[in-house]
Amino acid sequence: MTKSILVYAFAALAEIGGCFSFWMWLREGKPLWWLAPGMVSLALFAWLLTLVDADNAGRAYAAYGGIYIGASLAWLWAVEGVKPDRWDTLGAVVCLVGAGIILLGPRALR
């Protein structure tokens, strides 16, 4: 379980960093070379998700969604300097609870 949370955390940083580089290139007019670290970061993100201990890819991705939302709000605050408001925080908590249910819910034996 702890391994999955760590993998999800690093995957979120890799995905957000990769997408942010594309955002900066397209929306903020940064040079084309900004895409290179973004592509590497997105490939790292995809590889990291394969390390999650889950029986199904879709379930691993669904549980990751909650972690991604929380990490995105942390990025918003730390990198972009915008403090999340109470609605951002409440939404992230709801998503993290949902991710926990998906990740930790009892599964029928097959």
Protein backbone atom coordinates (compact mmCIF):
# COMPACT_ATOMS: atom_id res chain seq x y z
CA MET A 1 0.00 0.00 0.00
CA THR A 2 2.74 2.48 0.94
CA LYS A 3 4.55 1.64 -2.30
CA SER A 4 1.41 2.44 -4.31
CA ILE A 5 1.00 5.82 -2.62
CA LEU A 6 4.63 6.71 -3.30
CA VAL A 7 4.36 5.59 -6.93
CA TYR A 8 1.16 7.60 -7.33
CA ALA A 9 2.82 10.69 -5.81
CA PHE A 10 5.82 10.48 -8.16
CA ALA A 11 3.54 9.71 -11.11
CA ALA A 12 1.46 12.80 -10.33
CA LEU A 13 4.56 15.00 -10.24
CA ALA A 14 5.73 13.53 -13.54
CA GLU A 15 2.35 13.97 -15.22
CA ILE A 16 1.77 17.49 -13.94
CA GLY A 17 5.32 18.54 -14.81
CA GLY A 18 4.99 17.11 -18.30
CA CYS A 19 1.64 18.74 -18.94
CA PHE A 20 2.87 22.01 -17.45
CA SER A 21 5.71 22.15 -19.96
CA PHE A 22 3.19 21.79 -22.81
CA TRP A 23 0.99 24.45 -21.16
CA MET A 24 3.92 26.84 -20.93
CA TRP A 25 4.85 26.24 -24.57
CA LEU A 26 1.33 26.62 -25.97
CA ARG A 27 -0.20 29.14 -23.59
CA GLU A 28 2.75 31.18 -22.39
CA GLY A 29 4.87 31.24 -25.54
CA LYS A 30 7.89 29.38 -24.15
CA PRO A 31 10.41 28.03 -26.70
CA LEU A 32 9.87 24.69 -28.43
CA TRP A 33 12.60 23.01 -26.37
CA TRP A 34 10.22 23.13 -23.37
CA LEU A 35 8.48 20.12 -24.95
CA ALA A 36 11.50 17.79 -24.58
CA PRO A 37 11.48 17.57 -20.76
CA GLY A 38 7.69 17.43 -20.91
CA MET A 39 7.73 14.36 -23.13
CA VAL A 40 10.30 12.63 -20.93
CA SER A 41 8.25 13.46 -17.87
CA LEU A 42 5.05 12.08 -19.43
CA ALA A 43 6.83 8.86 -20.42
CA LEU A 44 8.09 8.54 -16.83
CA PHE A 45 4.52 9.04 -15.60
CA ALA A 46 3.22 6.22 -17.80
CA TRP A 47 5.99 3.87 -16.67
CA LEU A 48 5.42 4.68 -13.00
CA LEU A 49 1.75 3.74 -13.19
CA THR A 50 2.76 0.24 -14.33
CA LEU A 51 4.48 -0.22 -10.95
CA VAL A 52 1.25 0.11 -8.93
CA ASP A 53 0.14 -3.09 -7.24
CA ALA A 54 -3.29 -3.52 -8.84
CA ASP A 55 -4.96 -6.36 -10.69
CA ASN A 56 -6.40 -4.11 -13.39
CA ALA A 57 -5.00 -1.09 -15.18
CA GLY A 58 -8.33 0.75 -15.11
CA ARG A 59 -8.61 0.40 -11.34
CA ALA A 60 -5.04 1.64 -10.87
CA TYR A 61 -5.78 4.65 -13.08
CA ALA A 62 -9.07 5.39 -11.31
CA ALA A 63 -7.45 5.36 -7.87
CA TYR A 64 -4.64 7.53 -9.21
CA GLY A 65 -7.18 10.19 -10.19
CA GLY A 66 -7.71 11.27 -6.59
CA ILE A 67 -3.99 11.55 -5.96
CA TYR A 68 -3.59 13.54 -9.17
CA ILE A 69 -6.22 16.07 -8.13
CA GLY A 70 -4.58 16.65 -4.75
CA ALA A 71 -1.14 16.95 -6.36
CA SER A 72 -2.50 19.39 -8.95
CA LEU A 73 -3.75 21.68 -6.21
CA ALA A 74 -0.39 21.44 -4.44
CA TRP A 75 1.26 22.39 -7.76
CA LEU A 76 -1.17 25.30 -8.13
CA TRP A 77 -0.03 26.64 -4.78
CA ALA A 78 3.69 25.78 -4.86
CA VAL A 79 4.53 26.52 -8.50
CA GLU A 80 1.86 28.95 -9.68
CA GLY A 81 1.49 30.83 -6.40
CA VAL A 82 -2.30 30.48 -6.19
CA LYS A 83 -3.63 29.22 -2.87
CA PRO A 84 -6.44 26.67 -3.31
CA ASP A 85 -9.74 27.87 -1.87
CA ARG A 86 -12.10 25.89 0.35
CA TRP A 87 -13.95 24.44 -2.65
CA ASP A 88 -10.70 23.20 -4.17
CA THR A 89 -9.82 21.61 -0.83
CA LEU A 90 -13.25 20.03 -0.33
CA GLY A 91 -13.24 18.65 -3.86
CA ALA A 92 -9.77 17.16 -3.37
CA VAL A 93 -10.83 15.51 -0.10
CA VAL A 94 -13.88 13.97 -1.78
CA CYS A 95 -11.67 12.66 -4.61
CA LEU A 96 -9.09 11.25 -2.19
CA VAL A 97 -11.82 9.43 -0.26
CA GLY A 98 -13.06 7.99 -3.54
CA ALA A 99 -9.55 6.95 -4.54
CA GLY A 100 -9.13 5.24 -1.17
CA ILE A 101 -12.37 3.33 -1.64
CA ILE A 102 -11.28 2.17 -5.09
CA LEU A 103 -7.79 1.22 -3.93
CA LEU A 104 -8.65 -0.36 -0.57
CA GLY A 105 -12.15 -1.75 -1.14
CA PRO A 106 -12.56 -5.48 -0.51
CA ARG A 107 -12.58 -7.50 -3.71
CA ALA A 108 -14.31 -10.80 -4.30
CA LEU A 109 -11.93 -13.70 -4.81
CA ARG A 110 -11.93 -14.99 -8.36
